[in-house]
């Protein structure tokens, strides 16, 4: 009877040990399963993070360089007139910006103004100004020495022209049937892109032939600016 009792106790201990081991195994399995799910969840997150799509859009434009110039108005029109008959041998007519003056003659000066050269492009430019005639070409051969044909180019808007080493601005210069380099940088900005072109004429009494229209043609040319 004693021997049998010992075997029952041993068997009970073995069963207890097996039971504990089974619990441990179950716990390990549960922990392993939780860890596996956690890793799968992280992997899914990573996969989802890399599973993205992108699209790229662009804006593209080019601003072209435009060189352009214009005269406004396009003509200084004095029309017909006479030198005063009270002993005058010449008459003087002059434009000065938006004004004009007549001395010794009866040409109307009510609406006469100088010309405006305007840079209508979108960049600074070098400006050339040319005329076809000099004083002799303009009035023809006369016996009277008191004759004059002069041109004055000046700023209508401050900063419109860098005249360094170019044509002296705001100065009366004798027309000489040539091309003048007015400035290397004629402004392309709308707030400083205009110059005045004024004309002074001393008209001798024997100029040309009575009734002949006396004219000259001016040309303004712009090109890429020359570095200062």
Protein backbone atom coordinates (compact mmCIF):
# COMPACT_ATOMS: atom_id res chain seq x y z
CA UNK A 1 0.00 0.00 0.00
CA UNK A 2 2.81 2.40 0.69
CA UNK A 3 4.46 1.89 -2.65
CA UNK A 4 1.25 2.61 -4.49
CA UNK A 5 0.79 5.85 -2.55
CA UNK A 6 4.22 7.09 -3.66
CA UNK A 7 3.45 6.38 -7.30
CA UNK A 8 0.22 8.32 -7.08
CA UNK A 9 2.10 11.31 -5.64
CA UNK A 10 4.72 11.14 -8.38
CA UNK A 11 2.03 10.92 -11.02
CA UNK A 12 0.28 13.92 -9.52
CA UNK A 13 3.52 15.94 -9.60
CA UNK A 14 4.13 14.97 -13.20
CA UNK A 15 0.62 16.07 -14.10
CA UNK A 16 1.16 19.38 -12.34
CA UNK A 17 4.40 19.94 -14.21
CA UNK A 18 2.77 19.08 -17.50
CA UNK A 19 -0.07 21.44 -16.70
CA UNK A 20 2.33 24.29 -15.96
CA UNK A 21 4.27 23.56 -19.13
CA UNK A 22 1.05 23.57 -21.12
CA UNK A 23 0.15 26.96 -19.70
CA UNK A 24 3.62 28.27 -20.50
CA UNK A 25 3.36 26.93 -24.03
CA UNK A 26 -0.01 28.59 -24.47
CA UNK A 27 1.33 31.89 -23.12
CA UNK A 28 4.36 31.71 -25.44
CA UNK A 29 2.07 30.93 -28.36
CA UNK A 30 -0.20 33.87 -27.54
CA UNK A 31 2.77 36.24 -27.17
CA UNK A 32 4.24 34.95 -30.42
CA UNK A 33 0.90 35.40 -32.16
CA UNK A 34 0.57 38.98 -30.86
CA UNK A 35 4.14 39.75 -31.96
CA UNK A 36 3.41 38.27 -35.39
CA UNK A 37 0.30 40.41 -35.79
CA UNK A 38 2.25 43.49 -34.72
CA UNK A 39 4.96 42.80 -37.30
CA UNK A 40 2.37 42.16 -40.00
CA UNK A 41 0.70 45.45 -39.08
CA UNK A 42 4.04 47.31 -39.37
CA UNK A 43 4.75 45.62 -42.70
CA UNK A 44 1.30 46.65 -43.95
CA UNK A 45 1.98 50.21 -42.88
CA UNK A 46 5.29 50.23 -44.72
CA UNK A 47 3.72 48.68 -47.80
CA UNK A 48 0.94 51.24 -47.74
CA UNK A 49 3.46 54.05 -47.28
CA UNK A 50 5.36 53.02 -50.39
CA UNK A 51 2.24 52.30 -52.38
CA UNK A 52 1.74 55.97 -53.42
CA UNK A 53 1.25 57.73 -56.76
CA UNK A 54 2.46 61.22 -57.74
CA UNK A 55 1.82 63.61 -60.62
CA UNK A 56 3.86 66.69 -61.60
CA UNK A 57 2.54 69.79 -63.34
CA UNK A 58 4.46 72.68 -64.90
CA UNK A 59 3.97 76.27 -65.98
CA UNK A 60 6.03 77.37 -68.94
CA UNK A 61 6.15 80.68 -70.79
CA UNK A 62 8.59 82.89 -72.69
CA UNK A 63 8.52 86.68 -72.77
CA UNK A 64 9.81 87.78 -76.16
CA UNK A 65 11.97 90.86 -76.62
CA UNK A 66 10.20 93.56 -78.59
CA UNK A 67 12.11 96.46 -80.15
CA UNK A 68 9.75 99.22 -81.31
CA UNK A 69 9.71 103.01 -81.59
CA UNK A 70 7.25 105.63 -82.80
CA UNK A 71 6.84 109.36 -83.42
CA UNK A 72 3.83 111.19 -81.94
CA UNK A 73 2.74 113.31 -83.66
CA UNK A 74 4.30 112.25 -86.93
CA UNK A 75 4.69 115.74 -88.42
CA UNK A 76 5.52 119.31 -87.42
CA UNK A 77 3.14 121.10 -89.75
CA UNK A 78 3.65 124.83 -89.98
CA UNK A 79 1.77 125.18 -93.24
CA UNK A 80 1.95 128.30 -95.43
CA UNK A 81 3.09 131.65 -94.07
CA UNK A 82 4.89 134.88 -94.90
CA UNK A 83 7.84 136.85 -93.62
CA UNK A 84 6.64 140.21 -92.33
CA UNK A 85 6.76 142.93 -94.97
CA UNK A 86 7.96 145.58 -92.51
CA UNK A 87 11.59 145.31 -93.53
CA UNK A 88 12.30 141.86 -92.03
CA UNK A 89 14.73 139.74 -93.99
CA UNK A 90 13.89 136.51 -92.18
CA UNK A 91 11.47 134.86 -89.80
CA UNK A 92 12.15 132.55 -86.88
CA UNK A 93 9.85 129.67 -86.04
CA UNK A 94 10.57 127.28 -83.19
CA UNK A 95 8.96 124.38 -81.39
CA UNK A 96 9.72 123.82 -77.75
CA UNK A 97 8.05 120.75 -76.30
CA UNK A 98 4.32 121.30 -76.36
CA UNK A 99 4.73 124.97 -77.30
CA UNK A 100 5.95 126.94 -80.30
CA UNK A 101 6.94 130.48 -81.22
CA UNK A 102 6.92 132.65 -84.36
CA UNK A 103 8.96 135.83 -84.78
CA UNK A 104 9.05 138.03 -87.86
CA UNK A 105 6.40 136.07 -89.73
CA UNK A 106 2.76 135.13 -89.71
CA UNK A 107 2.85 131.34 -89.48
CA UNK A 108 0.22 130.11 -87.09
CA UNK A 109 1.64 128.51 -83.98
CA UNK A 110 -1.64 127.74 -82.18
CA UNK A 111 -1.37 123.95 -82.31
CA UNK A 112 2.25 123.33 -83.28
CA UNK A 113 4.35 121.11 -80.97
CA UNK A 114 7.58 119.22 -81.19
CA UNK A 115 7.74 115.53 -82.01
CA UNK A 116 7.88 112.84 -79.35
CA UNK A 117 10.08 109.81 -79.86
CA UNK A 118 8.65 106.98 -77.76
CA UNK A 119 10.16 103.58 -77.02
CA UNK A 120 7.10 101.34 -77.43
CA UNK A 121 9.05 98.10 -76.99
CA UNK A 122 9.58 96.24 -73.73
CA UNK A 123 13.36 96.60 -73.36
CA UNK A 124 15.95 99.35 -73.21
CA UNK A 125 17.42 100.08 -76.62
CA UNK A 126 20.06 102.11 -78.40
CA UNK A 127 18.46 105.01 -80.25
CA UNK A 128 19.61 106.52 -83.55
CA UNK A 129 18.06 109.61 -85.13
CA UNK A 130 18.63 110.63 -88.75
CA UNK A 131 17.61 113.44 -91.09
CA UNK A 132 17.97 113.77 -94.85
CA UNK A 133 18.86 117.46 -95.22
CA UNK A 134 21.18 120.13 -93.89
CA UNK A 135 20.39 123.85 -93.91
CA UNK A 136 21.36 124.32 -97.57
CA UNK A 137 19.39 121.27 -98.67
CA UNK A 138 16.39 122.49 -96.71
CA UNK A 139 16.24 126.12 -97.91
CA UNK A 140 18.09 125.78 -101.18
CA UNK A 141 20.70 128.25 -102.40
CA UNK A 142 19.91 131.73 -101.16
CA UNK A 143 21.77 135.02 -101.20
CA UNK A 144 20.87 135.59 -97.59
CA UNK A 145 23.33 134.34 -95.01
CA UNK A 146 20.90 134.49 -92.08
CA UNK A 147 19.37 131.05 -92.26
CA UNK A 148 19.24 128.26 -89.74
CA UNK A 149 17.98 124.71 -89.46
CA UNK A 150 18.66 123.23 -86.02
CA UNK A 151 17.34 120.28 -84.02
CA UNK A 152 17.14 119.87 -80.26
CA UNK A 153 16.55 116.47 -78.62
CA UNK A 154 15.69 116.59 -74.93
CA UNK A 155 14.16 114.47 -72.19
CA UNK A 156 10.38 114.48 -72.03
CA UNK A 157 10.51 112.03 -69.11
CA UNK A 158 13.45 112.08 -66.73
CA UNK A 159 15.70 109.03 -67.04
CA UNK A 160 14.58 108.14 -70.57
CA UNK A 161 18.02 108.35 -72.08
CA UNK A 162 21.54 107.60 -70.91
CA UNK A 163 23.36 110.12 -73.10
CA UNK A 164 26.85 109.48 -71.78
CA UNK A 165 29.35 109.79 -74.65
CA UNK A 166 26.49 110.24 -77.12
CA UNK A 167 24.48 113.16 -78.47
CA UNK A 168 24.38 116.22 -76.18
CA UNK A 169 20.79 116.51 -75.00
CA UNK A 170 18.85 119.76 -74.65
CA UNK A 171 21.17 121.57 -77.07
CA UNK A 172 20.49 123.09 -80.48
CA UNK A 173 22.55 121.27 -83.10
CA UNK A 174 22.77 122.11 -86.81
CA UNK A 175 20.98 119.57 -88.99
CA UNK A 176 23.67 117.86 -91.03
CA UNK A 177 22.04 115.16 -93.18
CA UNK A 178 23.48 112.33 -91.07
CA UNK A 179 22.62 109.84 -88.34
CA UNK A 180 23.06 110.74 -84.69
CA UNK A 181 23.47 108.21 -81.89
CA UNK A 182 21.15 109.78 -79.36
CA UNK A 183 21.70 107.37 -76.47
CA UNK A 184 22.87 103.86 -75.72
CA UNK A 185 20.00 103.13 -73.31
CA UNK A 186 16.64 104.49 -74.38
CA UNK A 187 14.25 103.45 -71.63
CA UNK A 188 11.78 100.64 -72.24
CA UNK A 189 9.80 101.34 -69.07
CA UNK A 190 6.51 103.16 -69.51
CA UNK A 191 7.48 105.84 -66.98
CA UNK A 192 10.70 106.91 -68.74
CA UNK A 193 10.56 106.20 -72.47
CA UNK A 194 9.92 109.54 -74.22
CA UNK A 195 12.09 112.25 -75.77
CA UNK A 196 11.24 115.59 -77.38
CA UNK A 197 12.47 116.47 -80.88
CA UNK A 198 12.24 120.22 -81.46
CA UNK A 199 13.11 122.27 -84.54
CA UNK A 200 14.29 125.85 -84.97
CA UNK A 201 14.18 127.51 -88.40
CA UNK A 202 15.48 130.89 -89.44
CA UNK A 203 13.77 131.39 -92.80
CA UNK A 204 15.47 133.79 -95.23
CA UNK A 205 13.18 135.94 -97.40
CA UNK A 206 14.59 134.38 -100.58
CA UNK A 207 14.35 130.75 -99.43
CA UNK A 208 13.50 128.30 -102.19
CA UNK A 209 10.75 129.23 -104.62
CA UNK A 210 7.48 130.81 -103.57
CA UNK A 211 4.79 128.21 -102.99
CA UNK A 212 7.17 125.22 -102.77
CA UNK A 213 6.61 122.96 -99.76
CA UNK A 214 9.83 122.62 -97.78
CA UNK A 215 10.18 119.30 -96.00
CA UNK A 216 12.62 116.96 -94.34
CA UNK A 217 12.19 113.40 -93.10
CA UNK A 218 13.28 112.08 -89.72
CA UNK A 219 13.91 108.45 -88.90
CA UNK A 220 14.26 106.94 -85.43
CA UNK A 221 15.87 103.50 -85.16
CA UNK A 222 16.21 101.31 -82.08
CA UNK A 223 18.49 98.33 -81.64
CA UNK A 224 19.84 96.18 -78.83
CA UNK A 225 21.42 98.45 -76.21
CA UNK A 226 25.15 99.01 -76.12
CA UNK A 227 26.58 98.40 -72.62
CA UNK A 228 27.43 101.63 -70.83
